[in-house]
Amino acid sequence: MTMASNGSMDFRAFMLALSKCADKPELPIEPCIEQGSKHFAQRKEQAELEAGAVLKALIKAGEPAAAEDGEGKKSGLTPEDGDLVKFHYTIRRARGGDEGEGGDDGEVVATSRGGDPTVFVLGKACRMPRGLELGIQSMARGERSSFTIKPSYGFKHPTCAWRLADARSEEALLDFDIELVDFSAGVGVQIVSESSLEEMVVKETVEDGSGWENPRPPYKVVADVRARQSESGPTFFETAEATPLRFSCGDEGVVPETLEACVNLMFKGEVARIYSRKPLGDSRLIPAAPLSPQASPSSLPAIQIYEVTLRDVIQVRDVIGTGEVMKMRVKNGNGEFPIDCPVVDCHCTIHCVGRLKESGHVFWDTHRNENETGAGA
């Protein structure tokens, strides 16, 4: 605020400053509708479900509700959003349905019977029909139920990525005969690729690893890998116990790129299962998977399974960022990186050996020369 020389306020200057502020355009006030919109969508869905958008009929009961078993599996409980679910399906046109055109009542439009169960992650990535998601969330492991689902909660729901071979059937009232084979808690499930349903890749942690570090370029990894054409299909690649897979992260073409992306999410000692509907491609160490026959022309593609055990993660670092000085861990020490590593002002005792890379000739060994130089362990 401007003051006159006698200490009083300069009213003219004050009004001039005020008018300049008034000339500035006001920032638009936008309503916050995200929370309200979400609440409205939930209320609308609830009303449509109460009106019969999804109807369930129990065919065979599953496991009774129980607490977690000794392996930490949610035995008997129902799956939730984010859980990995495995189920068999047979989809038919509903008898007496008055929605959609073409086809006969009771006609099978898609099935997994005769093959392996399909795999989805509930409510995530490339999704199944919304009505089917809600139905599966009401099922116990081993249960078989039938769901009659209207198109708006079936394949015409905006979140559904699953497409039928006959697009006309997506407009019809459909019966879904579902058997929930198994499910895994979402805490151990990671979606690695979700560009499309046919190319979706999912990683499931079977046994937790240890440590803080994930592999990344230019780290080296040691892993056991078993690859199968499908859940019950033949094994097309498997490492022997004495000869695990060894490769450097980031080396192009050594292993399939998507498989390496999955390994880079693992910790030392972890056991993981990787699901892929599309062959991961050929590489120098792991061949491409042969195409598996579908259970029927209308079924989803067979899911190839890679079982990976990450034996070791070997730390490799570009010390100065130019590639001129590379550090590779030869033997693991005690503690965890980086919290147990020495810092400035720490007293360190080291054993250093210098040798020529080509010939292996040792030109410096602190153990051998410690009496002469005073250096060493």
Protein backbone atom coordinates (compact mmCIF):
# COMPACT_ATOMS: atom_id res chain seq x y z
CA MET A 1 0.00 0.00 0.00
CA THR A 2 1.38 3.42 -1.01
CA MET A 3 1.89 5.97 1.79
CA ALA A 4 2.11 9.76 1.38
CA SER A 5 5.13 11.70 2.68
CA ASN A 6 3.21 12.77 5.77
CA GLY A 7 2.50 9.15 6.68
CA SER A 8 -1.12 9.07 5.44
CA MET A 9 -2.36 6.66 2.76
CA ASP A 10 -2.17 7.82 -0.88
CA PHE A 11 -5.82 7.13 -1.79
CA ARG A 12 -5.37 7.88 -5.50
CA ALA A 13 -2.49 5.40 -5.84
CA PHE A 14 -4.49 2.85 -3.87
CA MET A 15 -7.50 3.12 -6.23
CA LEU A 16 -5.22 2.90 -9.26
CA ALA A 17 -3.66 -0.34 -7.96
CA LEU A 18 -7.11 -1.69 -7.12
CA SER A 19 -8.42 -0.99 -10.63
CA LYS A 20 -5.45 -2.82 -12.16
CA CYS A 21 -6.24 -5.87 -10.05
CA ALA A 22 -9.89 -5.68 -11.06
CA ASP A 23 -8.92 -5.69 -14.75
CA LYS A 24 -7.26 -9.10 -14.46
CA PRO A 25 -9.48 -11.94 -15.73
CA GLU A 26 -10.78 -14.22 -13.04
CA LEU A 27 -9.64 -17.81 -13.08
CA PRO A 28 -12.49 -20.10 -14.13
CA ILE A 29 -13.97 -22.07 -11.27
CA GLU A 30 -14.45 -25.64 -12.41
CA PRO A 31 -16.68 -27.93 -10.39
CA CYS A 32 -15.09 -31.04 -8.90
CA ILE A 33 -17.31 -33.77 -10.34
CA GLU A 34 -14.97 -36.77 -10.21
CA GLN A 35 -16.16 -38.06 -6.84
CA GLY A 36 -19.81 -37.34 -7.61
CA SER A 37 -19.55 -39.00 -11.02
CA LYS A 38 -18.01 -42.12 -9.49
CA HIS A 39 -20.74 -42.27 -6.85
CA PHE A 40 -23.45 -41.82 -9.50
CA ALA A 41 -21.97 -44.63 -11.64
CA GLN A 42 -21.96 -46.96 -8.63
CA ARG A 43 -25.59 -46.11 -7.79
CA LYS A 44 -26.62 -46.61 -11.42
CA GLU A 45 -24.86 -50.00 -11.59
CA GLN A 46 -26.51 -51.10 -8.36
CA ALA A 47 -29.95 -50.13 -9.70
CA GLU A 48 -29.39 -52.01 -12.98
CA LEU A 49 -28.20 -55.11 -11.13
CA GLU A 50 -31.29 -55.00 -8.93
CA ALA A 51 -33.35 -54.80 -12.13
CA GLY A 52 -31.86 -58.09 -13.37
CA ALA A 53 -28.87 -57.12 -15.54
CA VAL A 54 -27.00 -60.16 -14.15
CA LEU A 55 -28.78 -63.28 -12.85
CA LYS A 56 -26.99 -66.20 -11.17
CA ALA A 57 -27.93 -69.88 -10.81
CA LEU A 58 -25.70 -72.20 -8.77
CA ILE A 59 -24.83 -75.50 -10.51
CA LYS A 60 -22.20 -76.90 -8.13
CA ALA A 61 -21.03 -75.50 -4.81
CA GLY A 62 -17.35 -74.74 -4.31
CA GLU A 63 -15.10 -74.87 -1.27
CA PRO A 64 -16.68 -73.63 1.96
CA ALA A 65 -15.49 -70.28 3.25
CA ALA A 66 -12.39 -70.71 5.40
CA ALA A 67 -9.39 -68.78 6.65
CA GLU A 68 -6.05 -68.74 4.88
CA ASP A 69 -4.29 -72.09 4.72
CA GLY A 70 -0.65 -72.75 5.65
CA GLU A 71 0.55 -71.55 2.24
CA GLY A 72 -1.25 -68.24 2.52
CA LYS A 73 -3.83 -69.07 -0.17
CA LYS A 74 -7.31 -67.63 0.29
CA SER A 75 -8.91 -71.06 0.48
CA GLY A 76 -12.66 -70.94 -0.05
CA LEU A 77 -12.98 -67.14 -0.04
CA THR A 78 -14.24 -65.28 -3.10
CA PRO A 79 -11.90 -63.36 -5.46
CA GLU A 80 -11.63 -59.57 -5.44
CA ASP A 81 -10.58 -56.84 -7.87
CA GLY A 82 -6.93 -57.33 -8.83
CA ASP A 83 -6.94 -61.09 -8.18
CA LEU A 84 -5.81 -63.48 -10.92
CA VAL A 85 -8.63 -65.90 -11.78
CA LYS A 86 -8.60 -69.13 -13.78
CA PHE A 87 -11.93 -70.41 -15.04
CA HIS A 88 -13.62 -72.58 -17.66
CA TYR A 89 -16.45 -71.01 -19.63
CA THR A 90 -19.19 -71.99 -22.05
CA ILE A 91 -21.18 -69.09 -23.51
CA ARG A 92 -24.60 -69.76 -25.05
CA ARG A 93 -27.44 -67.68 -26.37
CA ALA A 94 -30.02 -67.50 -23.62
CA ARG A 95 -33.19 -69.45 -24.28
CA GLY A 96 -36.18 -67.18 -24.65
CA GLY A 97 -33.95 -64.12 -24.86
CA ASP A 98 -35.53 -61.14 -26.60
CA GLU A 99 -32.36 -59.08 -27.08
CA GLY A 100 -30.12 -59.24 -30.13
CA GLU A 101 -30.61 -60.77 -33.56
CA GLY A 102 -29.52 -63.91 -35.33
CA GLY A 103 -28.55 -67.32 -33.95
CA ASP A 104 -30.56 -69.97 -32.16
CA ASP A 105 -31.49 -70.17 -28.51
CA GLY A 106 -29.00 -72.34 -26.65
CA GLU A 107 -26.37 -72.07 -29.40
CA VAL A 108 -22.79 -72.25 -28.05
CA VAL A 109 -20.90 -69.15 -29.17
CA ALA A 110 -17.63 -69.74 -27.24
CA THR A 111 -16.15 -72.34 -24.89
CA SER A 112 -12.90 -73.32 -23.20
CA ARG A 113 -14.06 -76.88 -22.53
CA GLY A 114 -11.73 -79.41 -24.10
CA GLY A 115 -8.77 -77.16 -23.36
CA ASP A 116 -7.24 -75.30 -20.43
CA PRO A 117 -8.98 -72.67 -18.29
CA THR A 118 -8.55 -69.07 -19.34
CA VAL A 119 -6.82 -66.44 -17.18
CA PHE A 120 -7.87 -62.88 -16.37
CA VAL A 121 -7.08 -60.26 -13.74
CA LEU A 122 -10.34 -59.09 -12.19
CA GLY A 123 -11.11 -55.45 -12.89
CA LYS A 124 -7.68 -54.69 -14.37
CA ALA A 125 -6.11 -54.17 -17.81
CA CYS A 126 -7.79 -56.07 -20.67
CA ARG A 127 -11.05 -56.93 -18.96
CA MET A 128 -13.82 -59.49 -19.33
CA PRO A 129 -17.52 -58.48 -19.46
CA ARG A 130 -18.49 -56.43 -16.40
CA GLY A 131 -21.35 -58.77 -15.50
CA LEU A 132 -18.96 -61.72 -15.54
CA GLU A 133 -16.52 -59.86 -13.26
CA LEU A 134 -19.30 -59.27 -10.75
CA GLY A 135 -20.45 -62.88 -11.05
CA ILE A 136 -17.00 -64.37 -10.48
CA GLN A 137 -16.54 -62.19 -7.40
CA SER A 138 -19.47 -64.10 -5.88
CA MET A 139 -17.93 -67.55 -6.51
CA ALA A 140 -15.81 -69.83 -4.33
CA ARG A 141 -12.89 -71.88 -5.63
CA GLY A 142 -14.25 -74.96 -7.44
CA GLU A 143 -17.77 -73.52 -7.79
CA ARG A 144 -19.72 -73.83 -11.05
CA SER A 145 -22.53 -71.38 -11.76
CA SER A 146 -24.57 -70.04 -14.67
CA PHE A 147 -24.99 -66.30 -15.25
CA THR A 148 -27.56 -64.75 -17.57
CA ILE A 149 -26.14 -61.37 -18.58
CA LYS A 150 -27.69 -58.56 -20.61
CA PRO A 151 -25.55 -57.15 -23.47
CA SER A 152 -24.97 -53.86 -21.61
CA TYR A 153 -23.19 -55.85 -18.87
CA GLY A 154 -21.77 -58.39 -21.31
CA PHE A 155 -19.63 -57.80 -24.39
CA LYS A 156 -21.17 -54.35 -25.04
CA HIS A 157 -20.00 -52.95 -21.70
CA PRO A 158 -17.49 -50.11 -22.35
CA THR A 159 -14.74 -51.71 -20.22
CA CYS A 160 -14.89 -55.12 -21.97
CA ALA A 161 -11.85 -56.02 -24.11
CA TRP A 162 -12.97 -59.60 -24.88
CA ARG A 163 -14.49 -59.99 -28.35
CA LEU A 164 -16.49 -62.90 -29.77
CA ALA A 165 -15.80 -64.41 -33.18
CA ASP A 166 -19.45 -63.73 -34.13
CA ALA A 167 -20.01 -60.06 -33.37
CA ARG A 168 -23.80 -60.50 -33.65
CA SER A 169 -23.77 -62.67 -30.53
CA GLU A 170 -22.42 -59.74 -28.52
CA GLU A 171 -25.82 -58.05 -28.97
CA ALA A 172 -27.72 -61.04 -27.56
CA LEU A 173 -28.80 -62.05 -24.07
CA LEU A 174 -26.19 -64.67 -23.10
CA ASP A 175 -25.80 -67.49 -20.60
CA PHE A 176 -22.28 -67.92 -19.14
CA ASP A 177 -21.56 -71.37 -17.67
CA ILE A 178 -18.54 -70.67 -15.43
CA GLU A 179 -16.36 -72.99 -13.34
CA LEU A 180 -13.90 -71.13 -11.11
CA VAL A 181 -10.83 -73.39 -11.15
CA ASP A 182 -8.53 -71.25 -9.00
CA PHE A 183 -7.57 -67.70 -8.08
CA SER A 184 -4.56 -65.91 -6.56
CA ALA A 185 -4.44 -62.80 -4.38
CA GLY A 186 -3.77 -59.60 -6.31
CA VAL A 187 -0.85 -58.66 -4.05
CA GLY A 188 1.30 -61.13 -6.01
CA VAL A 189 -0.03 -60.25 -9.48
CA GLN A 190 1.59 -57.77 -11.89
CA ILE A 191 0.41 -56.88 -15.40
CA VAL A 192 3.49 -56.62 -17.63
CA SER A 193 1.84 -55.94 -21.02
CA GLU A 194 -1.73 -54.83 -21.68
CA SER A 195 -1.72 -53.45 -25.23
CA SER A 196 -4.52 -55.88 -26.17
CA LEU A 197 -6.22 -58.97 -24.76
CA GLU A 198 -4.36 -61.18 -27.26
CA GLU A 199 -0.99 -59.74 -26.17
CA MET A 200 -1.61 -59.38 -22.42
CA VAL A 201 1.20 -60.76 -20.23
CA VAL A 202 0.69 -61.33 -16.50
CA LYS A 203 3.27 -62.24 -13.84
CA GLU A 204 2.21 -64.14 -10.72
CA THR A 205 4.55 -64.48 -7.73
CA VAL A 206 4.47 -68.08 -6.48
CA GLU A 207 7.23 -67.72 -3.85
CA ASP A 208 8.59 -64.41 -2.59
CA GLY A 209 12.25 -63.56 -3.04
CA SER A 210 14.53 -61.53 -0.79
CA GLY A 211 16.63 -58.40 -0.93
CA TRP A 212 15.98 -54.89 -2.22
CA GLU A 213 17.19 -54.97 -5.80
CA ASN A 214 15.50 -55.95 -9.05
CA PRO A 215 17.64 -56.86 -12.06
CA ARG A 216 18.15 -54.10 -14.62
CA PRO A 217 20.66 -53.30 -17.38
CA PRO A 218 23.54 -54.05 -17.23
CA TYR A 219 23.00 -56.53 -14.34
CA LYS A 220 23.55 -60.24 -14.93
CA VAL A 221 21.02 -62.84 -13.82
CA VAL A 222 21.04 -66.58 -13.22
CA ALA A 223 17.64 -68.23 -13.59
CA ASP A 224 15.86 -71.53 -14.08
CA VAL A 225 13.18 -71.43 -16.78
CA ARG A 226 10.53 -73.91 -17.81
CA ALA A 227 8.23 -72.99 -20.70
CA ARG A 228 5.01 -74.82 -21.59
CA GLN A 229 2.65 -74.42 -24.51
CA SER A 230 -0.30 -74.28 -22.10
CA GLU A 231 -1.34 -75.25 -18.56
CA SER A 232 -1.52 -78.94 -19.49
CA GLY A 233 0.50 -78.72 -22.70
CA PRO A 234 3.99 -80.03 -23.46
CA THR A 235 7.18 -78.34 -22.28
CA PHE A 236 9.07 -76.79 -25.21
CA PHE A 237 12.02 -75.39 -23.21
CA GLU A 238 13.56 -76.21 -19.82
CA THR A 239 16.92 -75.51 -18.21
CA ALA A 240 18.78 -78.29 -16.41
CA GLU A 241 19.62 -77.85 -12.73
CA ALA A 242 23.34 -77.83 -13.48
CA THR A 243 23.03 -75.37 -16.38
CA PRO A 244 20.72 -72.49 -15.47
CA LEU A 245 20.11 -69.62 -17.85
CA ARG A 246 22.74 -66.85 -17.59
CA PHE A 247 22.34 -63.53 -19.40
CA SER A 248 22.94 -59.80 -19.08
CA CYS A 249 19.91 -57.54 -18.82
CA GLY A 250 19.60 -55.26 -21.81
CA ASP A 251 21.41 -57.55 -24.27
CA GLU A 252 19.07 -57.46 -27.25
CA GLY A 253 17.87 -60.79 -28.64
CA VAL A 254 19.34 -62.99 -25.88
CA VAL A 255 15.95 -63.76 -24.29
CA PRO A 256 12.47 -62.59 -25.33
CA GLU A 257 12.06 -58.90 -24.47
CA THR A 258 8.80 -59.43 -22.56
CA LEU A 259 10.29 -62.29 -20.54
CA GLU A 260 13.21 -60.05 -19.54
CA ALA A 261 10.71 -57.36 -18.49
CA CYS A 262 9.10 -59.94 -16.19
CA VAL A 263 12.47 -61.01 -14.75
CA ASN A 264 13.28 -57.35 -14.07
CA LEU A 265 10.29 -57.27 -11.70
CA MET A 266 11.61 -60.19 -9.62
CA PHE A 267 13.82 -60.43 -6.55
CA LYS A 268 16.58 -62.93 -5.84
CA GLY A 269 15.11 -66.31 -4.89
CA GLU A 270 11.64 -65.46 -6.23
CA VAL A 271 9.61 -68.06 -8.11
CA ALA A 272 7.16 -66.63 -10.64
CA ARG A 273 4.68 -67.88 -13.20
CA ILE A 274 4.21 -65.82 -16.37
CA TYR A 275 1.08 -66.10 -18.53
CA SER A 276 1.05 -65.03 -22.19
CA ARG A 277 -1.57 -65.57 -24.89
CA LYS A 278 0.88 -64.63 -27.63
CA PRO A 279 4.23 -66.43 -28.17
CA LEU A 280 6.99 -64.26 -26.74
CA GLY A 281 9.14 -64.58 -29.85
CA ASP A 282 12.40 -66.29 -30.73
CA SER A 283 15.73 -65.50 -29.05
CA ARG A 284 19.26 -66.86 -28.82
CA LEU A 285 18.69 -68.69 -25.53
CA ILE A 286 14.95 -69.48 -25.56
CA PRO A 287 13.11 -70.61 -28.72
CA ALA A 288 9.70 -69.26 -29.69
CA ALA A 289 6.76 -71.33 -28.51
CA PRO A 290 4.89 -73.31 -31.15
CA LEU A 291 1.28 -72.21 -31.57
CA SER A 292 -1.10 -74.24 -29.42
CA PRO A 293 -4.41 -75.43 -30.85
CA GLN A 294 -7.49 -73.68 -29.48
CA ALA A 295 -10.15 -75.67 -27.64
CA SER A 296 -12.57 -74.49 -30.34
CA PRO A 297 -12.47 -71.89 -33.14
CA SER A 298 -14.50 -69.55 -30.92
CA SER A 299 -12.36 -69.89 -27.77
CA LEU A 300 -9.65 -67.52 -26.57
CA PRO A 301 -6.06 -68.43 -27.58
CA ALA A 302 -4.25 -70.95 -25.37
CA ILE A 303 -2.12 -69.34 -22.66
CA GLN A 304 1.59 -70.15 -22.66
CA ILE A 305 3.21 -70.45 -19.25
CA TYR A 306 6.79 -69.61 -18.26
CA GLU A 307 7.90 -70.72 -14.80
CA VAL A 308 10.95 -68.75 -13.66
CA THR A 309 13.14 -69.12 -10.56
CA LEU A 310 15.57 -66.23 -10.13
CA ARG A 311 18.64 -67.90 -8.60
CA ASP A 312 20.95 -64.91 -8.46
CA VAL A 313 21.18 -61.22 -9.32
CA ILE A 314 24.74 -60.12 -10.09
CA GLN A 315 25.25 -56.41 -9.68
CA VAL A 316 27.00 -54.70 -12.60
CA ARG A 317 27.56 -50.93 -12.50
CA ASP A 318 28.94 -48.30 -14.85
CA VAL A 319 31.03 -46.50 -12.22
CA ILE A 320 31.62 -43.18 -14.02
CA GLY A 321 28.83 -43.36 -16.59
CA THR A 322 30.99 -43.68 -19.72
CA GLY A 323 31.41 -47.46 -19.94
CA GLU A 324 35.16 -47.16 -19.26
CA VAL A 325 35.01 -48.47 -15.68
CA MET A 326 32.57 -51.32 -15.07
CA LYS A 327 32.13 -52.97 -11.67
CA MET A 328 30.72 -56.50 -11.37
CA ARG A 329 30.05 -58.26 -8.09
CA VAL A 330 32.05 -61.54 -8.03
CA LYS A 331 31.10 -62.71 -4.55
CA ASN A 332 28.24 -61.55 -2.36
CA GLY A 333 29.14 -59.94 0.95
CA ASN A 334 27.16 -59.52 4.15
CA GLY A 335 24.31 -57.03 4.38
CA GLU A 336 22.15 -55.30 1.79
CA PHE A 337 22.95 -52.80 -0.95
CA PRO A 338 23.09 -49.82 -0.51
CA ILE A 339 22.42 -49.44 3.20
CA ASP A 340 25.39 -51.56 4.31
CA CYS A 341 27.94 -50.16 1.84
CA PRO A 342 30.82 -47.94 3.03
CA VAL A 343 30.42 -44.18 2.75
CA VAL A 344 32.76 -41.20 3.03
CA ASP A 345 35.05 -41.35 6.13
CA CYS A 346 34.57 -45.12 6.57
CA HIS A 347 37.75 -47.09 7.29
CA CYS A 348 38.05 -49.92 4.74
CA THR A 349 40.42 -52.87 4.47
CA ILE A 350 40.54 -54.37 0.98
CA HIS A 351 42.22 -57.06 -1.06
CA CYS A 352 42.85 -55.90 -4.63
CA VAL A 353 44.02 -58.01 -7.58
CA GLY A 354 44.78 -56.47 -10.97
CA ARG A 355 45.07 -58.67 -14.06
CA LEU A 356 45.18 -58.17 -17.81
CA LYS A 357 41.83 -59.00 -19.39
CA GLU A 358 43.16 -60.86 -22.41
CA SER A 359 45.96 -62.96 -20.87
CA GLY A 360 44.82 -63.05 -17.26
CA HIS A 361 48.32 -62.05 -16.14
CA VAL A 362 48.29 -60.68 -12.56
CA PHE A 363 50.23 -57.41 -12.39
CA TRP A 364 49.09 -56.37 -8.91
CA ASP A 365 48.06 -58.35 -5.84
CA THR A 366 47.93 -56.63 -2.46
CA HIS A 367 48.26 -59.95 -0.63
CA ARG A 368 51.43 -60.80 -2.50
CA ASN A 369 52.95 -57.32 -2.21
CA GLU A 370 51.75 -56.27 1.23
CA ASN A 371 55.17 -56.71 2.82
CA GLU A 372 56.70 -54.42 0.20
CA THR A 373 53.97 -51.77 -0.13
CA GLY A 374 52.24 -51.85 3.24
CA ALA A 375 48.86 -52.13 1.47
CA GLY A 376 46.46 -55.04 1.66
CA ALA A 377 44.07 -56.92 3.82
